[in-house]
């Protein structure tokens, strides 16, 4: 019996993945068509030119669902003009484009694949016509654990970009940065497979408004939000 169940699961999981891939592509294409950009698609780390030593611990590139972004980041009750938005594993830049529609002081992408950063820059140039608008953006081609978090209020966005080991190292780095310069830091973790690493006392879990909680049930990946505050 157990062998039969295991066989069914092995067959079911690839089918589910194919179905969900088709669903997310269908949802993402209108976004790209509407803005005249290219953010949809999936890429494996081994198929890209990457920097750093942690490529084996990274997951495939997939664009962040726009609805999940608005339910999580869009629900933060903060003065965004005082905050820098940082997307870890920013890929072709969909979350960066969405963050650029909000009044963040700066919008930064952290990506270890050079070709994805090049596409993201093209997308930013296509959507934000003025030089002053584009100057809010910066793209860093760097390993996430080597990126130095700026000493200013930050919103850190993760769409399940790494395995547990890297998420743990990133959480350690966030804590060190916070202790070096206490300020408000929000961690928005979408599809939080390894949220236990943020279970330390310093990371305070927060909830969005009731409607975010309600609609989150309809977002397959879900999200968690944590706050560090001085």
Foldseek 3Di string as FASTA:
>chain_A
DVVVVVVVVVVVVVVVVVVVLVVLQVQCPVVCVVLVADDADKAQLVVFQFDDDCSVFWGIDGDDRPVLLCLFVVQDPDDQCQEEEEEEQCFLNPSQVVVLVPNHVAYEYEHGGVVRVVRNLVSLCSRDPDPVSSVRYDYDNDDLLPDQDDLTEYEYEYARTGHQVVVLSNLVRVVVSCVVRPAKYKYKYWLCPNCVSQVDPQWAWDDGDPVSVVCQVVVVSHITMTIHHD
